[in-house]
Amino acid sequence: MTSHPLFWAYVSLASLCFFWGTTYLGIRVALEEFSPTVLVATRFLISGTLMLGFARWRGSHLPRGRELWLTAAYGLLTLGVGNSCLAWAEQLIPSGMASIFITTSPFWMVGLDAAMGGPRLKLLPVLGMLAGFGGTVLLVGEGALREGLTGNTLKGFVILQFSTVCWVLGSLLQRRQPTKAHPIVGGAVQQLVTGLAFLGPALVAGEGSFHGMTPGVLAILYLVVFGSIVGYSSYVYALDKLPVALVSLYNFINPVVAVSLGWLFYREPFGWRETAAMAVIFTGVTIVRMTSRK
């Protein structure tokens, strides 16, 4: 089996589907002891330093000049804004619900790509986006009506849509940037820059402190290893070896893992409405993926 030319690519895809799904629970555990600023700074400082140190030891090409500045800027947009908003949102809503809200990313990807000169939107992708929007309304609507426009459900949804837009925009800009560095090396630079950018605010605010191997510290270490190093490397490797449509399956599996773990460890509520909303959103994502070749 290991002799199959795509064996390790499928292993990478499987690890991506599972480990990125577990990071939602890891973030929630870490937030019980640390603020979002400390969490983001610590996580990416460690992972970025380790990955960049390994790349330098291997003699890999490192971005320089304009390439370095653009790589860092796009990293702050994706990792910095994206992950800090996710951590902030998980202080308001269950981790499983947060994972479902983020499944709207393919809709933003297709729409922003078209707005930036990519393929024009066609009827079927638009219908898929409308289906996904209907699913999110089903998921958010009940909480918004019960809690009002200032309730945590609506706040969490808005925060995560802003997070997703920044992640998609940074990814699209990064894809359009000519670069000589390997994607994993570029990711290492982005993680280190993000950690450094959040280190200052975390130190100034004096938020959180480390007291041995507490659950929060262990959660951060888990996010460093399996969320940043293993997860991101698996994503890059799988995307290089397998069709994009196949790799995009992680969008469907991550929420299932996150919802299951959220219910198992925190008994986060998940009923028929959430299940139906997830099914409608996934249907919309499937339509968009199937009709968007690029």
Foldseek 3Di string as FASTA:
>chain_A
DVPPPCVVLVVLLVLLLQLQLCLLVLLLLLVVFFALLVLLLVQLQVLLVVLLVVCVVVVFDADDDPRLVLLQVLLCLQSVLQSSLSSVLCVQAFSLVLLLLLLLLLVLLVVVCVVVPHDDDDDLLVVLNVLLVVLVCLVQVVQCVVQPCPHSSNVSSVSNVSSSNSNSVSVVVNVPDDDDGQPSSSLSSSSNSSSVVSPVVCVVVVIGDDDPPDSSNVSSVSCNPSVRPSNVVSLSSSPVPDPPLVSCCSSLSSSVSNVVVSCVPPVRDDDDSNVVSSVSNVSSSVSNSVVDRD
